[in-house]
C-alpha cells in the first residue's frame, strides 16, 4: 500500500514537470531480466520507475539510503544499496539471488552519472556482465537520449533482450569479463544509433 501511495503522489507532479514516455515496452521479457540503462541525471531511475508497472529490484548507490525518508521510499520501490567504491560482495550476492528467484534487476552499468557532456556513454563496470553470465540472464538495454529538463519530454527506448551465452560456462577472468562488457557496451550504443536513425527518419517524413 505504501508503495502505491508514494507512486501516485509522485506520478502526477513529476509527469507534469517531466513528461516521460517509454518506447519498446513489448521488448521487456517475462521472468528474470537484467535491465541496463545509461545514466545521465538523478531523475533517470525515478522517471522510469514511475512510468512502468513492472516490479523490479534496483541497485542504487548506498548514499541514497542515508536520508531515512528517501531510503524508506526507494527501499519500498525495490532498491537495495551498493558500495560503488569497491567490489560489494553483498550487493552481488543479492543480485544473483533476485535473478535466481525470477525477478528483474535494474542496473546503471556505468556506476555513476555521466557528467562529461562530450561523451555519450561512460566506462561500463564489469559487474553487470559477470552477474548476467553467472545467472544466465537476458539483458535488456534501455537508452535515454536527452538529459531531463523541465517540461521537455523524456523518452526511454527499450531494446530487444540479448544474452551473453558465448561466455556461459567459461572461466570469468578479467579478459573474459572485458570482452563480455564490451558486448554490452556495443548493444547499448546500437540502441542509441537506432534511436537517432528513427528520429532522423521522422524529421524527413515531416518535411515531405
C-alpha atoms as a PDB file:
ATOM      1  CA  UNK A   1       0.000   0.000   0.000  1.00  0.00           C
ATOM      2  CA  UNK A   2       2.803   2.418   0.953  1.00  0.00           C
ATOM      3  CA  UNK A   3       4.465   1.673  -2.385  1.00  0.00           C
ATOM      4  CA  UNK A   4       1.398   2.657  -4.411  1.00  0.00           C
ATOM      5  CA  UNK A   5       0.653   5.751  -2.307  1.00  0.00           C
ATOM      6  CA  UNK A   6       4.178   7.031  -2.975  1.00  0.00           C
ATOM      7  CA  UNK A   7       3.872   6.186  -6.661  1.00  0.00           C
ATOM      8  CA  UNK A   8       0.554   8.062  -7.032  1.00  0.00           C
ATOM      9  CA  UNK A   9       1.714  11.112  -5.053  1.00  0.00           C
ATOM     10  CA  UNK A  10       4.874  11.409  -7.147  1.00  0.00           C
ATOM     11  CA  UNK A  11       3.467  10.477 -10.553  1.00  0.00           C
ATOM     12  CA  UNK A  12       1.196  13.453 -11.283  1.00  0.00           C
ATOM     13  CA  UNK A  13       3.515  16.367 -10.342  1.00  0.00           C
ATOM     14  CA  UNK A  14       6.608  14.737 -11.831  1.00  0.00           C
ATOM     15  CA  UNK A  15       4.897  13.895 -15.118  1.00  0.00           C
ATOM     16  CA  UNK A  16       3.730  17.491 -15.440  1.00  0.00           C
ATOM     17  CA  UNK A  17       7.276  18.756 -14.884  1.00  0.00           C
ATOM     18  CA  UNK A  18       8.992  15.853 -16.648  1.00  0.00           C
ATOM     19  CA  UNK A  19       6.639  14.183 -19.180  1.00  0.00           C
ATOM     20  CA  UNK A  20       8.064  10.718 -19.764  1.00  0.00           C
ATOM     21  CA  UNK A  21       7.417   8.065 -22.407  1.00  0.00           C
ATOM     22  CA  UNK A  22       8.733   4.516 -22.543  1.00  0.00           C
ATOM     23  CA  UNK A  23       9.076   3.035 -26.027  1.00  0.00           C
ATOM     24  CA  UNK A  24       9.505  -0.640 -26.830  1.00  0.00           C
ATOM     25  CA  UNK A  25       7.709  -1.947 -23.750  1.00  0.00           C
ATOM     26  CA  UNK A  26       6.956  -5.198 -25.608  1.00  0.00           C
ATOM     27  CA  UNK A  27      10.696  -5.931 -25.663  1.00  0.00           C
ATOM     28  CA  UNK A  28      10.702  -6.491 -21.912  1.00  0.00           C
ATOM     29  CA  UNK A  29      10.532 -10.287 -21.434  1.00  0.00           C
ATOM     30  CA  UNK A  30       8.539 -12.122 -18.805  1.00  0.00           C
ATOM     31  CA  UNK A  31      10.519 -13.586 -15.935  1.00  0.00           C
ATOM     32  CA  UNK A  32      14.049 -12.659 -14.935  1.00  0.00           C
ATOM     33  CA  UNK A  33      15.989  -9.967 -16.779  1.00  0.00           C
ATOM     34  CA  UNK A  34      18.894  -7.611 -16.205  1.00  0.00           C
ATOM     35  CA  UNK A  35      17.813  -4.130 -17.260  1.00  0.00           C
ATOM     36  CA  UNK A  36      20.750  -1.832 -18.050  1.00  0.00           C
ATOM     37  CA  UNK A  37      20.451   1.860 -18.812  1.00  0.00           C
ATOM     38  CA  UNK A  38      22.740   4.800 -19.494  1.00  0.00           C
ATOM     39  CA  UNK A  39      22.862   7.268 -16.588  1.00  0.00           C
ATOM     40  CA  UNK A  40      22.700  10.999 -17.290  1.00  0.00           C
ATOM     41  CA  UNK A  41      20.778  12.551 -14.374  1.00  0.00           C
ATOM     42  CA  UNK A  42      19.500  11.989 -10.843  1.00  0.00           C
ATOM     43  CA  UNK A  43      15.978  11.655 -12.293  1.00  0.00           C
ATOM     44  CA  UNK A  44      16.724   8.657 -14.509  1.00  0.00           C
ATOM     45  CA  UNK A  45      15.536   5.865 -12.234  1.00  0.00           C
ATOM     46  CA  UNK A  46      12.676   7.834 -10.665  1.00  0.00           C
ATOM     47  CA  UNK A  47      11.089   8.773 -14.001  1.00  0.00           C
ATOM     48  CA  UNK A  48      11.443   5.261 -15.374  1.00  0.00           C
ATOM     49  CA  UNK A  49      10.034   3.622 -12.254  1.00  0.00           C
ATOM     50  CA  UNK A  50       7.007   5.894 -12.072  1.00  0.00           C
ATOM     51  CA  UNK A  51       6.127   5.199 -15.703  1.00  0.00           C
ATOM     52  CA  UNK A  52       6.270   1.422 -15.696  1.00  0.00           C
ATOM     53  CA  UNK A  53       4.079  -1.122 -13.981  1.00  0.00           C
ATOM     54  CA  UNK A  54       6.932  -3.613 -13.890  1.00  0.00           C
ATOM     55  CA  UNK A  55       8.103  -4.607 -10.444  1.00  0.00           C
ATOM     56  CA  UNK A  56      11.857  -4.877 -10.253  1.00  0.00           C
ATOM     57  CA  UNK A  57      14.823  -4.710  -7.946  1.00  0.00           C
ATOM     58  CA  UNK A  58      17.026  -1.649  -8.290  1.00  0.00           C
ATOM     59  CA  UNK A  59      20.726  -1.421  -7.489  1.00  0.00           C
ATOM     60  CA  UNK A  60      21.238   2.067  -6.001  1.00  0.00           C
ATOM     61  CA  UNK A  61      24.267   3.783  -4.502  1.00  0.00           C
ATOM     62  CA  UNK A  62      24.395   3.432  -0.714  1.00  0.00           C
ATOM     63  CA  UNK A  63      24.463   7.224  -0.206  1.00  0.00           C
ATOM     64  CA  UNK A  64      20.777   7.371  -1.201  1.00  0.00           C
ATOM     65  CA  UNK A  65      19.847   5.400   1.904  1.00  0.00           C
ATOM     66  CA  UNK A  66      21.437   7.879   4.342  1.00  0.00           C
ATOM     67  CA  UNK A  67      18.272  10.000   4.404  1.00  0.00           C
ATOM     68  CA  UNK A  68      15.766   7.847   6.314  1.00  0.00           C
ATOM     69  CA  UNK A  69      12.710   9.088   4.399  1.00  0.00           C
ATOM     70  CA  UNK A  70      14.287   8.729   0.956  1.00  0.00           C
ATOM     71  CA  UNK A  71      15.773   5.407   1.982  1.00  0.00           C
ATOM     72  CA  UNK A  72      12.389   4.087   3.133  1.00  0.00           C
ATOM     73  CA  UNK A  73      10.684   5.144  -0.111  1.00  0.00           C
ATOM     74  CA  UNK A  74      13.245   3.678  -2.508  1.00  0.00           C
ATOM     75  CA  UNK A  75      13.543   0.522  -0.416  1.00  0.00           C
ATOM     76  CA  UNK A  76       9.809   0.019  -0.851  1.00  0.00           C
ATOM     77  CA  UNK A  77      10.311   0.583  -4.566  1.00  0.00           C
ATOM     78  CA  UNK A  78      12.683  -2.403  -4.561  1.00  0.00           C
ATOM     79  CA  UNK A  79      16.032  -0.633  -4.240  1.00  0.00           C
ATOM     80  CA  UNK A  80      18.977  -2.111  -2.375  1.00  0.00           C
ATOM     81  CA  UNK A  81      22.349  -0.464  -1.652  1.00  0.00           C
ATOM     82  CA  UNK A  82      25.660  -0.953  -3.404  1.00  0.00           C
ATOM     83  CA  UNK A  83      29.055   0.474  -2.465  1.00  0.00           C
ATOM     84  CA  UNK A  84      30.461   1.933  -5.681  1.00  0.00           C
ATOM     85  CA  UNK A  85      33.951   2.363  -4.233  1.00  0.00           C
ATOM     86  CA  UNK A  86      34.858  -1.314  -4.459  1.00  0.00           C
ATOM     87  CA  UNK A  87      33.637  -4.849  -5.049  1.00  0.00           C
ATOM     88  CA  UNK A  88      30.466  -5.008  -2.964  1.00  0.00           C
ATOM     89  CA  UNK A  89      30.103  -8.758  -2.437  1.00  0.00           C
ATOM     90  CA  UNK A  90      26.789  -8.369  -0.598  1.00  0.00           C
ATOM     91  CA  UNK A  91      25.231  -6.407  -3.488  1.00  0.00           C
ATOM     92  CA  UNK A  92      26.470  -9.000  -5.985  1.00  0.00           C
ATOM     93  CA  UNK A  93      25.072 -11.873  -3.896  1.00  0.00           C
ATOM     94  CA  UNK A  94      21.734 -10.071  -3.582  1.00  0.00           C
ATOM     95  CA  UNK A  95      21.636  -9.502  -7.351  1.00  0.00           C
ATOM     96  CA  UNK A  96      22.266 -13.178  -8.081  1.00  0.00           C
ATOM     97  CA  UNK A  97      19.658 -14.189  -5.508  1.00  0.00           C
ATOM     98  CA  UNK A  98      16.964 -11.917  -7.001  1.00  0.00           C
ATOM     99  CA  UNK A  99      17.595 -13.188 -10.528  1.00  0.00           C
ATOM    100  CA  UNK A 100      17.515 -16.814  -9.430  1.00  0.00           C
ATOM    101  CA  UNK A 101      14.106 -16.026  -7.925  1.00  0.00           C
ATOM    102  CA  UNK A 102      12.954 -14.944 -11.393  1.00  0.00           C
ATOM    103  CA  UNK A 103      12.910 -11.189 -10.672  1.00  0.00           C
ATOM    104  CA  UNK A 104      14.036  -8.272 -12.811  1.00  0.00           C
ATOM    105  CA  UNK A 105      17.062  -6.248 -11.786  1.00  0.00           C
ATOM    106  CA  UNK A 106      17.740  -2.638 -12.897  1.00  0.00           C
ATOM    107  CA  UNK A 107      21.382  -1.537 -13.017  1.00  0.00           C
ATOM    108  CA  UNK A 108      23.246   1.520 -14.299  1.00  0.00           C
ATOM    109  CA  UNK A 109      26.361  -0.249 -15.665  1.00  0.00           C
ATOM    110  CA  UNK A 110      28.386   2.974 -15.709  1.00  0.00           C
ATOM    111  CA  UNK A 111      28.089   3.018 -11.919  1.00  0.00           C
ATOM    112  CA  UNK A 112      27.575   6.778 -11.787  1.00  0.00           C
ATOM    113  CA  UNK A 113      26.077   9.659 -13.771  1.00  0.00           C
ATOM    114  CA  UNK A 114      27.850  10.687 -16.972  1.00  0.00           C
ATOM    115  CA  UNK A 115      28.994  14.237 -16.269  1.00  0.00           C
ATOM    116  CA  UNK A 116      31.213  14.654 -19.337  1.00  0.00           C
ATOM    117  CA  UNK A 117      28.832  16.072 -21.951  1.00  0.00           C
ATOM    118  CA  UNK A 118      31.326  15.350 -24.746  1.00  0.00           C
ATOM    119  CA  UNK A 119      30.724  11.603 -24.277  1.00  0.00           C
ATOM    120  CA  UNK A 120      27.579   9.573 -24.938  1.00  0.00           C
ATOM    121  CA  UNK A 121      28.429   6.658 -22.633  1.00  0.00           C
ATOM    122  CA  UNK A 122      30.910   6.284 -19.818  1.00  0.00           C
ATOM    123  CA  UNK A 123      33.086   3.291 -18.993  1.00  0.00           C
ATOM    124  CA  UNK A 124      30.985   0.268 -18.058  1.00  0.00           C
ATOM    125  CA  UNK A 125      31.701  -1.744 -14.936  1.00  0.00           C
ATOM    126  CA  UNK A 126      32.156  -5.484 -15.418  1.00  0.00           C
ATOM    127  CA  UNK A 127      29.744  -6.398 -12.605  1.00  0.00           C
ATOM    128  CA  UNK A 128      26.668  -6.466 -14.838  1.00  0.00           C
ATOM    129  CA  UNK A 129      28.286  -8.854 -17.321  1.00  0.00           C
ATOM    130  CA  UNK A 130      29.522 -11.104 -14.534  1.00  0.00           C
ATOM    131  CA  UNK A 131      26.063 -11.314 -12.925  1.00  0.00           C
ATOM    132  CA  UNK A 132      24.372 -11.927 -16.293  1.00  0.00           C
ATOM    133  CA  UNK A 133      26.789 -14.754 -17.135  1.00  0.00           C
ATOM    134  CA  UNK A 134      26.666 -16.410 -13.718  1.00  0.00           C
ATOM    135  CA  UNK A 135      22.863 -16.450 -13.710  1.00  0.00           C
ATOM    136  CA  UNK A 136      22.437 -16.933 -17.494  1.00  0.00           C
ATOM    137  CA  UNK A 137      20.052 -13.985 -17.565  1.00  0.00           C
ATOM    138  CA  UNK A 138      18.922 -11.997 -20.636  1.00  0.00           C
ATOM    139  CA  UNK A 139      19.969  -8.345 -20.692  1.00  0.00           C
ATOM    140  CA  UNK A 140      17.529  -5.629 -21.752  1.00  0.00           C
ATOM    141  CA  UNK A 141      19.202  -2.353 -22.816  1.00  0.00           C
ATOM    142  CA  UNK A 142      17.460   0.981 -22.305  1.00  0.00           C
ATOM    143  CA  UNK A 143      18.638   4.268 -23.816  1.00  0.00           C
ATOM    144  CA  UNK A 144      17.791   7.769 -22.599  1.00  0.00           C
ATOM    145  CA  UNK A 145      18.584  10.193 -25.392  1.00  0.00           C
ATOM    146  CA  UNK A 146      18.485  13.530 -23.542  1.00  0.00           C
ATOM    147  CA  UNK A 147      19.062  14.848 -20.047  1.00  0.00           C
ATOM    148  CA  UNK A 148      15.706  15.552 -18.346  1.00  0.00           C
ATOM    149  CA  UNK A 149      14.622  19.196 -18.403  1.00  0.00           C
ATOM    150  CA  UNK A 150      11.535  20.858 -17.005  1.00  0.00           C
ATOM    151  CA  UNK A 151       8.527  20.445 -19.314  1.00  0.00           C
ATOM    152  CA  UNK A 152      10.568  18.662 -22.007  1.00  0.00           C
ATOM    153  CA  UNK A 153       9.600  15.147 -22.995  1.00  0.00           C
ATOM    154  CA  UNK A 154      11.938  12.390 -21.850  1.00  0.00           C
ATOM    155  CA  UNK A 155      11.959   9.182 -23.891  1.00  0.00           C
ATOM    156  CA  UNK A 156      13.249   5.843 -22.645  1.00  0.00           C
ATOM    157  CA  UNK A 157      13.843   3.410 -25.530  1.00  0.00           C
ATOM    158  CA  UNK A 158      13.728  -0.266 -24.608  1.00  0.00           C
ATOM    159  CA  UNK A 159      15.796  -2.524 -26.840  1.00  0.00           C
ATOM    160  CA  UNK A 160      15.433  -6.208 -27.553  1.00  0.00           C
ATOM    161  CA  UNK A 161      16.890  -8.598 -24.958  1.00  0.00           C
ATOM    162  CA  UNK A 162      20.166 -10.375 -25.661  1.00  0.00           C
ATOM    163  CA  UNK A 163      22.284 -12.911 -23.825  1.00  0.00           C
ATOM    164  CA  UNK A 164      25.999 -13.302 -23.240  1.00  0.00           C
ATOM    165  CA  UNK A 165      25.648 -17.005 -23.964  1.00  0.00           C
ATOM    166  CA  UNK A 166      29.020 -17.219 -25.754  1.00  0.00           C
ATOM    167  CA  UNK A 167      30.581 -16.683 -22.299  1.00  0.00           C
ATOM    168  CA  UNK A 168      28.413 -19.143 -20.387  1.00  0.00           C
ATOM    169  CA  UNK A 169      30.403 -21.805 -18.502  1.00  0.00           C
ATOM    170  CA  UNK A 170      33.682 -20.028 -19.228  1.00  0.00           C
ATOM    171  CA  UNK A 171      36.158 -19.049 -16.547  1.00  0.00           C
ATOM    172  CA  UNK A 172      35.284 -15.460 -15.634  1.00  0.00           C
ATOM    173  CA  UNK A 173      38.760 -13.965 -15.612  1.00  0.00           C
ATOM    174  CA  UNK A 174      39.488 -10.290 -16.308  1.00  0.00           C
ATOM    175  CA  UNK A 175      39.925 -10.798 -20.056  1.00  0.00           C
ATOM    176  CA  UNK A 176      36.615 -12.666 -20.422  1.00  0.00           C
ATOM    177  CA  UNK A 177      34.705 -10.055 -18.426  1.00  0.00           C
ATOM    178  CA  UNK A 178      36.243  -7.245 -20.500  1.00  0.00           C
ATOM    179  CA  UNK A 179      35.058  -8.928 -23.705  1.00  0.00           C
ATOM    180  CA  UNK A 180      31.584  -9.554 -22.291  1.00  0.00           C
ATOM    181  CA  UNK A 181      31.319  -5.974 -21.041  1.00  0.00           C
ATOM    182  CA  UNK A 182      32.291  -4.715 -24.488  1.00  0.00           C
ATOM    183  CA  UNK A 183      29.370  -6.675 -25.964  1.00  0.00           C
ATOM    184  CA  UNK A 184      27.021  -4.907 -23.518  1.00  0.00           C
ATOM    185  CA  UNK A 185      28.501  -1.549 -24.495  1.00  0.00           C
ATOM    186  CA  UNK A 186      28.055  -2.285 -28.203  1.00  0.00           C
ATOM    187  CA  UNK A 187      24.415  -3.277 -27.702  1.00  0.00           C
ATOM    188  CA  UNK A 188      23.689  -0.059 -25.797  1.00  0.00           C
ATOM    189  CA  UNK A 189      25.345   2.086 -28.465  1.00  0.00           C
ATOM    190  CA  UNK A 190      23.478   0.195 -31.202  1.00  0.00           C
ATOM    191  CA  UNK A 191      20.239   1.151 -29.456  1.00  0.00           C
ATOM    192  CA  UNK A 192      21.378   4.777 -29.419  1.00  0.00           C
ATOM    193  CA  UNK A 193      22.105   4.650 -33.155  1.00  0.00           C
ATOM    194  CA  UNK A 194      18.668   3.135 -33.814  1.00  0.00           C
ATOM    195  CA  UNK A 195      17.003   5.924 -31.851  1.00  0.00           C
ATOM    196  CA  UNK A 196      18.925   8.589 -33.804  1.00  0.00           C
ATOM    197  CA  UNK A 197      18.030   6.922 -37.109  1.00  0.00           C
ATOM    198  CA  UNK A 198      14.335   6.778 -36.178  1.00  0.00           C
ATOM    199  CA  UNK A 199      14.381  10.419 -35.142  1.00  0.00           C
ATOM    200  CA  UNK A 200      16.038  11.435 -38.417  1.00  0.00           C
ATOM    201  CA  UNK A 201      13.530   9.384 -40.423  1.00  0.00           C
ATOM    202  CA  UNK A 202      10.591  11.081 -38.682  1.00  0.00           C
ATOM    203  CA  UNK A 203      12.003  14.543 -39.376  1.00  0.00           C
ATOM    204  CA  UNK A 204      12.444  13.718 -43.063  1.00  0.00           C
ATOM    205  CA  UNK A 205       8.898  12.350 -43.190  1.00  0.00           C
ATOM    206  CA  UNK A 206       7.504  15.609 -41.858  1.00  0.00           C
ATOM    207  CA  UNK A 207       9.364  17.620 -44.496  1.00  0.00           C
ATOM    208  CA  UNK A 208       7.974  15.576 -47.384  1.00  0.00           C
END
